[in-house]
Amino acid sequence: MTRCGARRQPIMAIRYGTLPSPIQQLRREMDRLLSGFVGGLPETGMLASVVRGQPAVNLWETRETVEVEMELPGVKPEQLDISVQQDQLTIKVDRPEAAAQDVTYHRRERPVGSFTRVLTLPAQVDAEKVEANLRDGVLRITLPKAEAVRPRKIPVRQGA
């Protein structure tokens, strides 16, 4: 009779501190993602944001700026409080509940109330030059990178 399956190999014990850097990064990221499942959903990501009643955020960077977009249908500029401190962008939104009397909701998926999102920025920004624009229910924040972190072209002179 033939047996299928691989032979069990002994597991080599490696101390955590001796793993190569990319493996350490992968392990930390997996630990972070899996630790969120203890209480239900992970703390980051689109699904967790939607479940908590917070809109998902897109954050990206170019050579000159860090850009953020957040969908905020029905929100007015006066309901927003946006601030930057060091590498943190804080977006506070206050969506008051519409005063509806004698209404029975059969489905209510649009969140109401206040919430705060704090995003860690991938680069240092110039807080004095940050611009925010709310158009068609989409908040767009443009954060120019600080001069110290912008790429610079270095001219090369011919030696004498």
N, C-alpha and C. Protein backbone atom coordinates (compact mmCIF):
# COMPACT_ATOMS: atom_id res chain seq x y z
N MET A 1 0.85 -1.17 0.00
CA MET A 1 0.00 0.00 0.00
C MET A 1 0.90 1.23 0.00
N THR A 2 0.55 2.21 -0.82
CA THR A 2 1.34 3.43 -0.93
C THR A 2 0.73 4.52 -0.08
N ARG A 3 1.58 5.23 0.66
CA ARG A 3 1.10 6.34 1.49
C ARG A 3 1.38 7.65 0.77
N CYS A 4 0.40 8.50 0.77
CA CYS A 4 0.57 9.84 0.18
C CYS A 4 0.90 10.82 1.29
N GLY A 5 1.59 11.84 0.92
CA GLY A 5 1.88 12.89 1.90
C GLY A 5 3.38 13.04 2.09
N ALA A 6 3.73 14.17 2.57
CA ALA A 6 5.14 14.47 2.77
C ALA A 6 5.58 14.05 4.16
N ARG A 7 6.86 13.75 4.27
CA ARG A 7 7.41 13.43 5.58
C ARG A 7 7.49 14.71 6.39
N ARG A 8 7.26 14.57 7.64
CA ARG A 8 7.35 15.74 8.51
C ARG A 8 8.81 16.07 8.76
N GLN A 9 9.11 17.33 8.55
CA GLN A 9 10.46 17.82 8.80
C GLN A 9 10.46 18.57 10.12
N PRO A 10 11.55 18.48 10.87
CA PRO A 10 11.60 19.25 12.11
C PRO A 10 11.59 20.75 11.79
N ILE A 11 10.92 21.49 12.64
CA ILE A 11 10.86 22.93 12.46
C ILE A 11 12.10 23.55 13.07
N MET A 12 12.76 24.36 12.29
CA MET A 12 13.97 25.00 12.78
C MET A 12 13.58 26.20 13.63
N ALA A 13 14.12 26.27 14.82
CA ALA A 13 13.83 27.39 15.71
C ALA A 13 14.73 28.56 15.36
N ILE A 14 14.10 29.69 15.09
CA ILE A 14 14.84 30.91 14.79
C ILE A 14 14.34 31.98 15.74
N ARG A 15 15.25 32.63 16.40
CA ARG A 15 14.83 33.72 17.26
C ARG A 15 14.30 34.85 16.40
N TYR A 16 13.27 35.54 16.89
CA TYR A 16 12.60 36.59 16.12
C TYR A 16 13.57 37.67 15.67
N GLY A 17 14.49 38.04 16.51
CA GLY A 17 15.41 39.12 16.17
C GLY A 17 16.42 38.76 15.10
N THR A 18 16.54 37.49 14.73
CA THR A 18 17.54 37.10 13.75
C THR A 18 16.97 36.97 12.35
N LEU A 19 15.68 37.19 12.17
CA LEU A 19 15.09 37.08 10.84
C LEU A 19 15.54 38.24 9.97
N PRO A 20 15.68 38.01 8.68
CA PRO A 20 16.03 39.11 7.78
C PRO A 20 14.94 40.19 7.79
N SER A 21 15.31 41.41 7.50
CA SER A 21 14.42 42.57 7.59
C SER A 21 13.10 42.42 6.82
N PRO A 22 13.07 41.99 5.55
CA PRO A 22 11.78 41.86 4.86
C PRO A 22 10.85 40.85 5.53
N ILE A 23 11.42 39.81 6.09
CA ILE A 23 10.59 38.81 6.77
C ILE A 23 10.04 39.39 8.06
N GLN A 24 10.85 40.17 8.77
CA GLN A 24 10.36 40.84 9.98
C GLN A 24 9.20 41.77 9.64
N GLN A 25 9.34 42.52 8.57
CA GLN A 25 8.27 43.44 8.17
C GLN A 25 7.00 42.68 7.84
N LEU A 26 7.13 41.58 7.10
CA LEU A 26 5.96 40.77 6.75
C LEU A 26 5.31 40.21 8.00
N ARG A 27 6.13 39.72 8.93
CA ARG A 27 5.58 39.14 10.15
C ARG A 27 4.84 40.20 10.98
N ARG A 28 5.44 41.39 11.11
CA ARG A 28 4.78 42.47 11.85
C ARG A 28 3.45 42.85 11.20
N GLU A 29 3.43 42.93 9.88
CA GLU A 29 2.20 43.28 9.18
C GLU A 29 1.14 42.20 9.37
N MET A 30 1.54 40.93 9.31
CA MET A 30 0.59 39.84 9.53
C MET A 30 0.07 39.86 10.96
N ASP A 31 0.96 40.10 11.93
CA ASP A 31 0.53 40.19 13.33
C ASP A 31 -0.47 41.32 13.51
N ARG A 32 -0.20 42.47 12.88
CA ARG A 32 -1.09 43.62 13.00
C ARG A 32 -2.47 43.29 12.41
N LEU A 33 -2.49 42.67 11.24
CA LEU A 33 -3.76 42.34 10.60
C LEU A 33 -4.53 41.29 11.38
N LEU A 34 -3.84 40.26 11.83
CA LEU A 34 -4.51 39.18 12.54
C LEU A 34 -4.96 39.58 13.94
N SER A 35 -4.25 40.50 14.57
CA SER A 35 -4.64 40.91 15.91
C SER A 35 -5.99 41.60 15.91
N GLY A 36 -6.36 42.21 14.81
CA GLY A 36 -7.65 42.87 14.73
C GLY A 36 -8.82 41.90 14.72
N PHE A 37 -8.60 40.65 14.36
CA PHE A 37 -9.70 39.69 14.28
C PHE A 37 -10.16 39.21 15.65
N VAL A 38 -9.39 39.46 16.69
CA VAL A 38 -9.79 39.02 18.03
C VAL A 38 -11.11 39.67 18.42
N GLY A 39 -11.25 40.97 18.14
CA GLY A 39 -12.47 41.68 18.50
C GLY A 39 -13.47 41.76 17.36
N GLY A 40 -13.23 41.11 16.26
CA GLY A 40 -14.14 41.17 15.13
C GLY A 40 -13.39 41.48 13.86
N LEU A 41 -13.48 42.71 13.41
CA LEU A 41 -12.83 43.11 12.17
C LEU A 41 -11.51 43.80 12.45
N PRO A 42 -10.59 43.76 11.50
CA PRO A 42 -9.36 44.50 11.70
C PRO A 42 -9.65 45.99 11.81
N GLU A 43 -8.75 46.72 12.46
CA GLU A 43 -8.96 48.14 12.71
C GLU A 43 -8.75 49.00 11.48
N THR A 44 -8.11 48.48 10.44
CA THR A 44 -7.88 49.29 9.26
C THR A 44 -8.53 48.65 8.06
N GLY A 45 -8.61 49.40 6.99
CA GLY A 45 -9.15 48.86 5.76
C GLY A 45 -10.56 49.33 5.50
N MET A 46 -10.97 49.18 4.24
CA MET A 46 -12.26 49.70 3.81
C MET A 46 -13.42 49.06 4.54
N LEU A 47 -13.42 47.74 4.72
CA LEU A 47 -14.54 47.07 5.37
C LEU A 47 -14.72 47.56 6.80
N ALA A 48 -13.63 47.67 7.53
CA ALA A 48 -13.73 48.14 8.91
C ALA A 48 -14.24 49.57 8.96
N SER A 49 -13.81 50.41 8.04
CA SER A 49 -14.28 51.80 8.00
C SER A 49 -15.77 51.87 7.75
N VAL A 50 -16.24 51.09 6.80
CA VAL A 50 -17.66 51.10 6.46
C VAL A 50 -18.49 50.58 7.63
N VAL A 51 -18.03 49.51 8.28
CA VAL A 51 -18.77 48.95 9.40
C VAL A 51 -18.86 49.95 10.55
N ARG A 52 -17.80 50.72 10.78
CA ARG A 52 -17.81 51.72 11.84
C ARG A 52 -18.55 52.99 11.44
N GLY A 53 -19.10 53.06 10.23
CA GLY A 53 -19.82 54.24 9.79
C GLY A 53 -18.92 55.35 9.32
N GLN A 54 -17.70 55.03 8.95
CA GLN A 54 -16.77 56.02 8.45
C GLN A 54 -16.49 55.73 6.98
N PRO A 55 -16.45 56.78 6.18
CA PRO A 55 -16.17 56.55 4.76
C PRO A 55 -14.73 56.10 4.55
N ALA A 56 -14.54 55.31 3.52
CA ALA A 56 -13.19 54.87 3.18
C ALA A 56 -12.39 56.05 2.65
N VAL A 57 -11.08 55.95 2.78
CA VAL A 57 -10.17 57.02 2.40
C VAL A 57 -9.17 56.50 1.38
N ASN A 58 -8.87 57.30 0.38
CA ASN A 58 -7.75 57.03 -0.52
C ASN A 58 -6.65 58.01 -0.16
N LEU A 59 -5.42 57.51 0.01
CA LEU A 59 -4.27 58.34 0.34
C LEU A 59 -3.13 57.92 -0.56
N TRP A 60 -2.54 58.89 -1.29
CA TRP A 60 -1.43 58.57 -2.17
C TRP A 60 -0.48 59.75 -2.20
N GLU A 61 0.70 59.51 -2.77
CA GLU A 61 1.65 60.61 -2.86
C GLU A 61 2.23 60.72 -4.26
N THR A 62 2.59 61.94 -4.62
CA THR A 62 3.29 62.24 -5.86
C THR A 62 4.67 62.76 -5.47
N ARG A 63 5.43 63.22 -6.44
CA ARG A 63 6.75 63.79 -6.13
C ARG A 63 6.63 65.02 -5.26
N GLU A 64 5.56 65.79 -5.45
CA GLU A 64 5.42 67.09 -4.79
C GLU A 64 4.42 67.11 -3.64
N THR A 65 3.44 66.18 -3.64
CA THR A 65 2.33 66.28 -2.68
C THR A 65 1.94 64.92 -2.10
N VAL A 66 1.19 65.00 -1.01
CA VAL A 66 0.43 63.86 -0.48
C VAL A 66 -1.02 64.22 -0.72
N GLU A 67 -1.81 63.29 -1.25
CA GLU A 67 -3.20 63.56 -1.60
C GLU A 67 -4.13 62.63 -0.81
N VAL A 68 -5.27 63.17 -0.39
CA VAL A 68 -6.27 62.40 0.34
C VAL A 68 -7.63 62.68 -0.27
N GLU A 69 -8.42 61.62 -0.46
CA GLU A 69 -9.81 61.76 -0.88
C GLU A 69 -10.71 60.96 0.05
N MET A 70 -11.86 61.55 0.37
CA MET A 70 -12.83 60.89 1.24
C MET A 70 -14.23 61.24 0.71
N GLU A 71 -15.08 60.23 0.55
CA GLU A 71 -16.45 60.47 0.10
C GLU A 71 -17.30 60.91 1.28
N LEU A 72 -17.90 62.10 1.15
CA LEU A 72 -18.72 62.66 2.23
C LEU A 72 -20.02 63.24 1.66
N PRO A 73 -20.90 62.39 1.13
CA PRO A 73 -22.14 62.92 0.56
C PRO A 73 -22.99 63.63 1.61
N GLY A 74 -23.50 64.79 1.22
CA GLY A 74 -24.38 65.53 2.10
C GLY A 74 -23.70 66.36 3.16
N VAL A 75 -22.37 66.31 3.24
CA VAL A 75 -21.63 67.08 4.25
C VAL A 75 -21.31 68.45 3.67
N LYS A 76 -21.44 69.48 4.51
CA LYS A 76 -21.11 70.85 4.11
C LYS A 76 -19.75 71.23 4.69
N PRO A 77 -19.07 72.19 4.07
CA PRO A 77 -17.74 72.59 4.57
C PRO A 77 -17.72 72.98 6.04
N GLU A 78 -18.79 73.61 6.52
CA GLU A 78 -18.81 74.04 7.93
C GLU A 78 -18.95 72.85 8.89
N GLN A 79 -19.21 71.65 8.38
CA GLN A 79 -19.30 70.46 9.22
C GLN A 79 -17.96 69.73 9.32
N LEU A 80 -16.92 70.30 8.72
CA LEU A 80 -15.60 69.68 8.69
C LEU A 80 -14.61 70.46 9.54
N ASP A 81 -13.73 69.72 10.20
CA ASP A 81 -12.62 70.31 10.94
C ASP A 81 -11.38 69.50 10.56
N ILE A 82 -10.48 70.11 9.81
CA ILE A 82 -9.30 69.41 9.30
C ILE A 82 -8.06 70.07 9.88
N SER A 83 -7.14 69.23 10.39
CA SER A 83 -5.90 69.78 10.93
C SER A 83 -4.73 68.85 10.63
N VAL A 84 -3.54 69.44 10.62
CA VAL A 84 -2.30 68.69 10.41
C VAL A 84 -1.37 69.01 11.56
N GLN A 85 -0.83 67.95 12.16
CA GLN A 85 0.17 68.12 13.21
C GLN A 85 1.23 67.06 13.01
N GLN A 86 2.44 67.50 12.73
CA GLN A 86 3.57 66.62 12.43
C GLN A 86 3.19 65.69 11.28
N ASP A 87 3.16 64.37 11.50
CA ASP A 87 2.85 63.45 10.41
C ASP A 87 1.42 62.91 10.49
N GLN A 88 0.54 63.63 11.17
CA GLN A 88 -0.84 63.19 11.36
C GLN A 88 -1.82 64.18 10.72
N LEU A 89 -2.72 63.66 9.90
CA LEU A 89 -3.82 64.44 9.35
C LEU A 89 -5.08 64.01 10.08
N THR A 90 -5.78 64.97 10.68
CA THR A 90 -7.01 64.67 11.42
C THR A 90 -8.18 65.29 10.68
N ILE A 91 -9.19 64.46 10.40
CA ILE A 91 -10.41 64.91 9.73
C ILE A 91 -11.57 64.61 10.67
N LYS A 92 -12.22 65.68 11.15
CA LYS A 92 -13.39 65.53 12.01
C LYS A 92 -14.62 65.94 11.22
N VAL A 93 -15.66 65.10 11.30
CA VAL A 93 -16.90 65.36 10.56
C VAL A 93 -18.06 65.30 11.53
N ASP A 94 -18.97 66.25 11.41
CA ASP A 94 -20.18 66.26 12.23
C ASP A 94 -21.38 66.24 11.29
N ARG A 95 -22.02 65.07 11.19
CA ARG A 95 -23.21 64.91 10.35
C ARG A 95 -24.42 64.82 11.26
N PRO A 96 -25.11 65.93 11.49
CA PRO A 96 -26.26 65.85 12.38
C PRO A 96 -27.38 65.02 11.76
N GLU A 97 -28.12 64.37 12.62
CA GLU A 97 -29.24 63.56 12.16
C GLU A 97 -30.36 64.49 11.71
N ALA A 98 -30.93 64.18 10.55
CA ALA A 98 -32.05 64.98 10.04
C ALA A 98 -33.24 64.80 10.97
N ALA A 99 -33.90 65.90 11.26
CA ALA A 99 -35.06 65.86 12.16
C ALA A 99 -36.27 65.33 11.39
N ALA A 100 -36.48 64.04 11.48
CA ALA A 100 -37.61 63.41 10.80
C ALA A 100 -38.58 62.89 11.86
N GLN A 101 -39.82 63.31 11.74
CA GLN A 101 -40.83 62.86 12.70
C GLN A 101 -41.74 61.84 12.03
N ASP A 102 -42.21 60.92 12.83
CA ASP A 102 -43.12 59.88 12.34
C ASP A 102 -42.55 59.14 11.13
N VAL A 103 -41.29 58.76 11.23
CA VAL A 103 -40.63 58.04 10.14
C VAL A 103 -40.19 56.68 10.66
N THR A 104 -40.42 55.65 9.87
CA THR A 104 -39.92 54.32 10.17
C THR A 104 -38.91 53.95 9.09
N TYR A 105 -37.65 53.81 9.48
CA TYR A 105 -36.63 53.42 8.52
C TYR A 105 -36.71 51.92 8.27
N HIS A 106 -36.69 51.54 7.02
CA HIS A 106 -36.63 50.12 6.65
C HIS A 106 -35.19 49.73 6.30
N ARG A 107 -34.42 50.71 5.95
CA ARG A 107 -32.99 50.52 5.71
C ARG A 107 -32.33 51.86 5.95
N ARG A 108 -31.26 51.85 6.74
CA ARG A 108 -30.54 53.08 7.02
C ARG A 108 -29.05 52.78 7.00
N GLU A 109 -28.42 53.08 5.89
CA GLU A 109 -27.02 52.76 5.70
C GLU A 109 -26.12 54.00 5.72
N ARG A 110 -26.69 55.18 5.55
CA ARG A 110 -25.89 56.39 5.59
C ARG A 110 -25.70 56.80 7.04
N PRO A 111 -24.46 56.84 7.48
CA PRO A 111 -24.19 57.15 8.89
C PRO A 111 -24.47 58.61 9.23
N VAL A 112 -24.84 58.84 10.48
CA VAL A 112 -25.03 60.19 11.00
C VAL A 112 -24.21 60.32 12.28
N GLY A 113 -24.07 61.54 12.74
CA GLY A 113 -23.30 61.78 13.96
C GLY A 113 -21.90 62.25 13.64
N SER A 114 -21.06 62.23 14.63
CA SER A 114 -19.69 62.72 14.50
C SER A 114 -18.70 61.57 14.43
N PHE A 115 -17.64 61.78 13.70
CA PHE A 115 -16.54 60.82 13.70
C PHE A 115 -15.25 61.55 13.39
N THR A 116 -14.15 60.90 13.70
CA THR A 116 -12.82 61.45 13.46
C THR A 116 -11.97 60.39 12.80
N ARG A 117 -11.25 60.77 11.76
CA ARG A 117 -10.25 59.90 11.14
C ARG A 117 -8.89 60.55 11.31
N VAL A 118 -7.94 59.79 11.80
CA VAL A 118 -6.57 60.27 11.92
C VAL A 118 -5.71 59.41 11.00
N LEU A 119 -5.07 60.05 10.04
CA LEU A 119 -4.26 59.35 9.06
C LEU A 119 -2.79 59.70 9.27
N THR A 120 -1.95 58.69 9.25
CA THR A 120 -0.51 58.92 9.31
C THR A 120 -0.03 59.20 7.89
N LEU A 121 0.62 60.32 7.72
CA LEU A 121 1.08 60.73 6.40
C LEU A 121 2.40 60.05 6.06
N PRO A 122 2.60 59.70 4.78
CA PRO A 122 3.83 58.98 4.39
C PRO A 122 5.06 59.88 4.26
N ALA A 123 4.87 61.20 4.36
CA ALA A 123 5.99 62.13 4.23
C ALA A 123 5.68 63.39 5.03
N GLN A 124 6.72 64.15 5.34
CA GLN A 124 6.53 65.43 6.01
C GLN A 124 5.87 66.40 5.03
N VAL A 125 4.92 67.19 5.53
CA VAL A 125 4.22 68.14 4.67
C VAL A 125 4.37 69.55 5.22
N ASP A 126 4.11 70.52 4.36
CA ASP A 126 4.12 71.93 4.75
C ASP A 126 2.70 72.29 5.18
N ALA A 127 2.45 72.31 6.47
CA ALA A 127 1.10 72.52 7.00
C ALA A 127 0.51 73.87 6.61
N GLU A 128 1.35 74.85 6.33
CA GLU A 128 0.87 76.19 5.95
C GLU A 128 0.28 76.23 4.55
N LYS A 129 0.59 75.23 3.72
CA LYS A 129 0.15 75.24 2.32
C LYS A 129 -0.91 74.18 2.01
N VAL A 130 -1.45 73.53 3.01
CA VAL A 130 -2.45 72.48 2.80
C VAL A 130 -3.74 73.12 2.28
N GLU A 131 -4.35 72.46 1.29
CA GLU A 131 -5.62 72.93 0.73
C GLU A 131 -6.64 71.81 0.79
N ALA A 132 -7.89 72.17 1.11
CA ALA A 132 -8.99 71.20 1.15
C ALA A 132 -10.12 71.73 0.29
N ASN A 133 -10.73 70.83 -0.49
CA ASN A 133 -11.81 71.21 -1.38
C ASN A 133 -12.90 70.15 -1.29
N LEU A 134 -14.13 70.58 -1.07
CA LEU A 134 -15.28 69.67 -1.02
C LEU A 134 -16.13 69.94 -2.25
N ARG A 135 -16.20 68.94 -3.14
CA ARG A 135 -16.94 69.11 -4.39
C ARG A 135 -17.70 67.82 -4.71
N ASP A 136 -18.97 67.97 -4.97
CA ASP A 136 -19.82 66.83 -5.34
C ASP A 136 -19.73 65.69 -4.33
N GLY A 137 -19.64 66.03 -3.05
CA GLY A 137 -19.61 65.02 -2.00
C GLY A 137 -18.28 64.33 -1.80
N VAL A 138 -17.23 64.84 -2.44
CA VAL A 138 -15.90 64.24 -2.29
C VAL A 138 -14.96 65.30 -1.71
N LEU A 139 -14.36 64.99 -0.57
CA LEU A 139 -13.37 65.87 0.05
C LEU A 139 -12.00 65.52 -0.52
N ARG A 140 -11.31 66.52 -1.05
CA ARG A 140 -9.96 66.31 -1.59
C ARG A 140 -9.01 67.23 -0.83
N ILE A 141 -8.00 66.65 -0.21
CA ILE A 141 -7.02 67.41 0.55
C ILE A 141 -5.67 67.24 -0.14
N THR A 142 -5.04 68.36 -0.47
CA THR A 142 -3.72 68.37 -1.08
C THR A 142 -2.73 68.92 -0.07
N LEU A 143 -1.74 68.10 0.26
CA LEU A 143 -0.74 68.46 1.26
C LEU A 143 0.63 68.53 0.58
N PRO A 144 1.11 69.74 0.27
CA PRO A 144 2.43 69.84 -0.35
C PRO A 144 3.51 69.29 0.58
N LYS A 145 4.43 68.54 0.01
CA LYS A 145 5.52 67.99 0.82
C LYS A 145 6.44 69.12 1.27
N ALA A 146 7.02 68.93 2.44
CA ALA A 146 8.00 69.89 2.95
C ALA A 146 9.22 69.90 2.04
N GLU A 147 9.84 71.05 1.91
CA GLU A 147 11.01 71.18 1.03
C GLU A 147 12.09 70.16 1.37
N ALA A 148 12.24 69.84 2.65
CA ALA A 148 13.30 68.93 3.08
C ALA A 148 13.14 67.52 2.51
N VAL A 149 11.92 67.11 2.16
CA VAL A 149 11.72 65.74 1.68
C VAL A 149 11.44 65.67 0.18
N ARG A 150 11.35 66.82 -0.47
CA ARG A 150 11.13 66.81 -1.93
C ARG A 150 12.41 66.40 -2.64
N PRO A 151 12.26 65.63 -3.71
CA PRO A 151 13.46 65.26 -4.48
C PRO A 151 14.09 66.51 -5.11
N ARG A 152 15.38 66.54 -5.13
CA ARG A 152 16.09 67.67 -5.73
C ARG A 152 17.08 67.16 -6.76
N LYS A 153 17.14 67.87 -7.86
CA LYS A 153 18.13 67.55 -8.89
C LYS A 153 19.42 68.26 -8.52
N ILE A 154 20.48 67.52 -8.51
CA ILE A 154 21.79 68.06 -8.15
C ILE A 154 22.58 68.30 -9.43
N PRO A 155 22.92 69.55 -9.71
CA PRO A 155 23.70 69.82 -10.93
C PRO A 155 25.14 69.31 -10.76
N VAL A 156 25.67 68.79 -11.83
CA VAL A 156 27.05 68.28 -11.82
C VAL A 156 27.90 69.22 -12.67
N ARG A 157 28.96 69.74 -12.07
CA ARG A 157 29.87 70.63 -12.79
C ARG A 157 31.08 69.83 -13.25
N GLN A 158 31.61 70.27 -14.31
CA GLN A 158 32.82 69.63 -14.81
C GLN A 158 34.00 70.15 -14.01
N GLY A 159 34.82 69.23 -13.53
CA GLY A 159 35.97 69.60 -12.71
C GLY A 159 36.99 70.41 -13.48
N ALA A 160 37.71 71.24 -12.75
CA ALA A 160 38.72 72.09 -13.40
C ALA A 160 40.10 71.54 -13.17
